[in-house]
């Protein structure tokens, strides 16, 4: 399962619709970064971008099984 996580504050998007919406706007965000003279680090700005200046990066989340993720 893929999620988007802020590279600065750790805020996480894990709802499928939110992730798809962010991925749809990825190209525009990256182009806006480049026009400001920055190299984009992520696919979209963090929800708290004005406070943390973070960008959402795509990562995999391992599914946990059993009590406390230890298996059965």
N, C-alpha and C. Protein backbone atom coordinates (compact mmCIF):
# COMPACT_ATOMS: atom_id res chain seq x y z
N UNK A 1 0.84 -1.18 0.00
CA UNK A 1 0.00 0.00 0.00
C UNK A 1 0.89 1.24 0.00
N UNK A 2 0.65 2.18 -0.87
CA UNK A 2 1.40 3.43 -0.94
C UNK A 2 0.71 4.50 -0.11
N UNK A 3 1.51 5.33 0.53
CA UNK A 3 1.01 6.50 1.25
C UNK A 3 1.93 7.66 0.91
N UNK A 4 1.47 8.87 1.21
CA UNK A 4 2.29 10.06 1.05
C UNK A 4 2.63 10.57 2.44
N UNK A 5 3.92 10.83 2.69
CA UNK A 5 4.39 11.28 3.99
C UNK A 5 5.22 12.54 3.81
N UNK A 6 4.99 13.53 4.66
CA UNK A 6 5.77 14.77 4.60
C UNK A 6 7.21 14.48 5.00
N UNK A 7 8.15 14.99 4.23
CA UNK A 7 9.57 14.75 4.50
C UNK A 7 10.10 15.63 5.63
N UNK A 8 9.29 16.53 6.15
CA UNK A 8 9.73 17.39 7.24
C UNK A 8 8.99 17.11 8.55
N UNK A 9 7.64 17.12 8.52
CA UNK A 9 6.88 17.00 9.77
C UNK A 9 6.28 15.61 9.98
N UNK A 10 6.28 14.77 8.94
CA UNK A 10 5.75 13.42 9.09
C UNK A 10 4.26 13.27 8.87
N UNK A 11 3.57 14.37 8.53
CA UNK A 11 2.13 14.26 8.23
C UNK A 11 1.92 13.20 7.16
N UNK A 12 0.86 12.43 7.28
CA UNK A 12 0.66 11.29 6.38
C UNK A 12 -0.71 11.31 5.73
N UNK A 13 -0.73 11.10 4.41
CA UNK A 13 -1.97 10.91 3.66
C UNK A 13 -2.07 9.43 3.34
N UNK A 14 -3.17 8.82 3.77
CA UNK A 14 -3.32 7.39 3.48
C UNK A 14 -4.66 7.04 2.84
N UNK A 15 -5.52 8.04 2.65
CA UNK A 15 -6.79 7.81 1.96
C UNK A 15 -6.53 7.78 0.45
N UNK A 16 -7.05 6.77 -0.19
CA UNK A 16 -6.80 6.57 -1.63
C UNK A 16 -7.17 7.79 -2.46
N UNK A 17 -8.32 8.40 -2.18
CA UNK A 17 -8.78 9.56 -2.96
C UNK A 17 -7.83 10.74 -2.80
N UNK A 18 -7.35 10.96 -1.57
CA UNK A 18 -6.41 12.06 -1.32
C UNK A 18 -5.09 11.84 -2.06
N UNK A 19 -4.63 10.61 -2.06
CA UNK A 19 -3.38 10.28 -2.74
C UNK A 19 -3.52 10.48 -4.25
N UNK A 20 -4.62 10.02 -4.81
CA UNK A 20 -4.84 10.18 -6.25
C UNK A 20 -4.93 11.65 -6.63
N UNK A 21 -5.59 12.45 -5.82
CA UNK A 21 -5.70 13.89 -6.09
C UNK A 21 -4.33 14.56 -6.06
N UNK A 22 -3.51 14.18 -5.08
CA UNK A 22 -2.16 14.74 -4.99
C UNK A 22 -1.32 14.33 -6.19
N UNK A 23 -1.41 13.07 -6.60
CA UNK A 23 -0.64 12.60 -7.75
C UNK A 23 -1.07 13.29 -9.04
N UNK A 24 -2.37 13.62 -9.14
CA UNK A 24 -2.86 14.35 -10.31
C UNK A 24 -2.25 15.75 -10.40
N UNK A 25 -1.99 16.37 -9.24
CA UNK A 25 -1.42 17.72 -9.22
C UNK A 25 0.10 17.75 -9.14
N UNK A 26 0.73 16.58 -9.18
CA UNK A 26 2.17 16.48 -9.01
C UNK A 26 2.95 17.29 -10.05
N UNK A 27 2.58 17.18 -11.29
CA UNK A 27 3.32 17.87 -12.35
C UNK A 27 3.28 19.39 -12.17
N UNK A 28 2.11 19.92 -11.81
CA UNK A 28 1.98 21.36 -11.60
C UNK A 28 2.81 21.82 -10.41
N UNK A 29 2.81 21.04 -9.32
CA UNK A 29 3.60 21.39 -8.14
C UNK A 29 5.09 21.39 -8.46
N UNK A 30 5.55 20.37 -9.16
CA UNK A 30 6.97 20.28 -9.48
C UNK A 30 7.40 21.41 -10.41
N UNK A 31 6.55 21.77 -11.34
CA UNK A 31 6.85 22.89 -12.24
C UNK A 31 6.90 24.21 -11.46
N UNK A 32 5.99 24.39 -10.51
CA UNK A 32 5.99 25.60 -9.68
C UNK A 32 7.28 25.70 -8.87
N UNK A 33 7.75 24.58 -8.35
CA UNK A 33 9.03 24.57 -7.60
C UNK A 33 10.17 25.01 -8.50
N UNK A 34 10.23 24.44 -9.68
CA UNK A 34 11.32 24.76 -10.61
C UNK A 34 11.30 26.23 -11.02
N UNK A 35 10.11 26.80 -11.18
CA UNK A 35 10.00 28.22 -11.54
C UNK A 35 10.49 29.12 -10.41
N UNK A 36 10.41 28.63 -9.16
CA UNK A 36 10.93 29.39 -8.02
C UNK A 36 12.43 29.16 -7.83
N UNK A 37 13.03 28.34 -8.69
CA UNK A 37 14.45 28.06 -8.60
C UNK A 37 14.80 26.94 -7.64
N UNK A 38 13.80 26.14 -7.24
CA UNK A 38 14.03 25.02 -6.33
C UNK A 38 13.86 23.71 -7.08
N UNK A 39 14.50 22.68 -6.58
CA UNK A 39 14.30 21.34 -7.14
C UNK A 39 13.26 20.65 -6.25
N UNK A 40 12.16 20.16 -6.85
CA UNK A 40 11.12 19.51 -6.03
C UNK A 40 11.64 18.23 -5.38
N UNK A 41 11.28 18.04 -4.11
CA UNK A 41 11.67 16.83 -3.38
C UNK A 41 10.54 15.80 -3.38
N UNK A 42 9.31 16.28 -3.54
CA UNK A 42 8.16 15.40 -3.41
C UNK A 42 7.14 15.60 -4.51
N UNK A 43 5.97 15.01 -4.28
CA UNK A 43 4.93 15.06 -5.30
C UNK A 43 3.92 16.18 -5.07
N UNK A 44 3.89 16.74 -3.86
CA UNK A 44 2.89 17.75 -3.54
C UNK A 44 3.32 18.44 -2.24
N UNK A 45 2.87 19.68 -2.00
CA UNK A 45 3.23 20.32 -0.73
C UNK A 45 2.47 19.69 0.43
N UNK A 46 3.07 19.72 1.59
CA UNK A 46 2.42 19.22 2.80
C UNK A 46 1.22 20.11 3.14
N UNK A 47 0.25 19.54 3.81
CA UNK A 47 -0.91 20.29 4.28
C UNK A 47 -0.45 21.46 5.16
N UNK A 48 0.66 21.29 5.85
CA UNK A 48 1.21 22.30 6.76
C UNK A 48 2.44 22.99 6.15
N UNK A 49 2.46 23.11 4.84
CA UNK A 49 3.61 23.62 4.10
C UNK A 49 4.11 24.97 4.63
N UNK A 50 3.21 25.86 4.97
CA UNK A 50 3.63 27.19 5.41
C UNK A 50 4.35 27.14 6.76
N UNK A 51 4.06 26.14 7.58
CA UNK A 51 4.75 25.99 8.85
C UNK A 51 6.03 25.16 8.71
N UNK A 52 5.95 24.03 8.01
CA UNK A 52 7.09 23.11 8.00
C UNK A 52 7.92 23.14 6.71
N UNK A 53 7.38 23.70 5.64
CA UNK A 53 8.06 23.75 4.34
C UNK A 53 8.34 22.36 3.77
N UNK A 54 7.54 21.37 4.18
CA UNK A 54 7.74 20.00 3.73
C UNK A 54 6.99 19.67 2.46
N UNK A 55 7.42 18.59 1.83
CA UNK A 55 6.77 18.08 0.64
C UNK A 55 6.44 16.61 0.85
N UNK A 56 5.34 16.19 0.27
CA UNK A 56 4.87 14.82 0.44
C UNK A 56 5.64 13.90 -0.50
N UNK A 57 6.23 12.85 0.08
CA UNK A 57 6.95 11.86 -0.71
C UNK A 57 6.17 10.55 -0.66
N UNK A 58 6.23 9.81 -1.74
CA UNK A 58 5.50 8.55 -1.85
C UNK A 58 6.34 7.43 -1.23
N UNK A 59 5.71 6.63 -0.39
CA UNK A 59 6.41 5.54 0.27
C UNK A 59 5.47 4.37 0.46
N UNK A 60 6.03 3.23 0.72
CA UNK A 60 5.25 2.01 0.97
C UNK A 60 5.07 1.85 2.48
N UNK A 61 3.92 1.34 2.87
CA UNK A 61 3.66 1.02 4.27
C UNK A 61 3.46 -0.47 4.37
N UNK A 62 4.20 -1.06 5.28
CA UNK A 62 4.05 -2.50 5.48
C UNK A 62 2.80 -2.77 6.30
N UNK A 63 2.05 -3.78 5.89
CA UNK A 63 0.87 -4.17 6.65
C UNK A 63 1.32 -4.94 7.88
N UNK A 64 0.76 -4.58 9.01
CA UNK A 64 1.07 -5.27 10.24
C UNK A 64 0.03 -6.37 10.45
N UNK A 65 0.48 -7.44 11.00
CA UNK A 65 -0.45 -8.55 11.26
C UNK A 65 -0.32 -8.95 12.72
N UNK A 66 -1.40 -9.35 13.30
CA UNK A 66 -1.39 -9.81 14.67
C UNK A 66 -1.26 -8.67 15.66
N UNK A 67 -1.16 -9.02 16.91
CA UNK A 67 -1.06 -8.06 17.98
C UNK A 67 0.30 -7.35 17.93
N UNK A 68 0.27 -6.04 17.87
CA UNK A 68 1.47 -5.19 17.83
C UNK A 68 2.36 -5.49 16.63
N UNK A 69 1.80 -5.99 15.53
CA UNK A 69 2.57 -6.21 14.32
C UNK A 69 3.56 -7.36 14.40
N UNK A 70 3.38 -8.25 15.35
CA UNK A 70 4.34 -9.33 15.55
C UNK A 70 3.98 -10.61 14.81
N UNK A 71 2.88 -10.63 14.14
CA UNK A 71 2.46 -11.87 13.49
C UNK A 71 1.60 -12.70 14.41
N UNK A 72 1.29 -13.87 13.98
CA UNK A 72 0.39 -14.71 14.78
C UNK A 72 1.12 -15.61 15.73
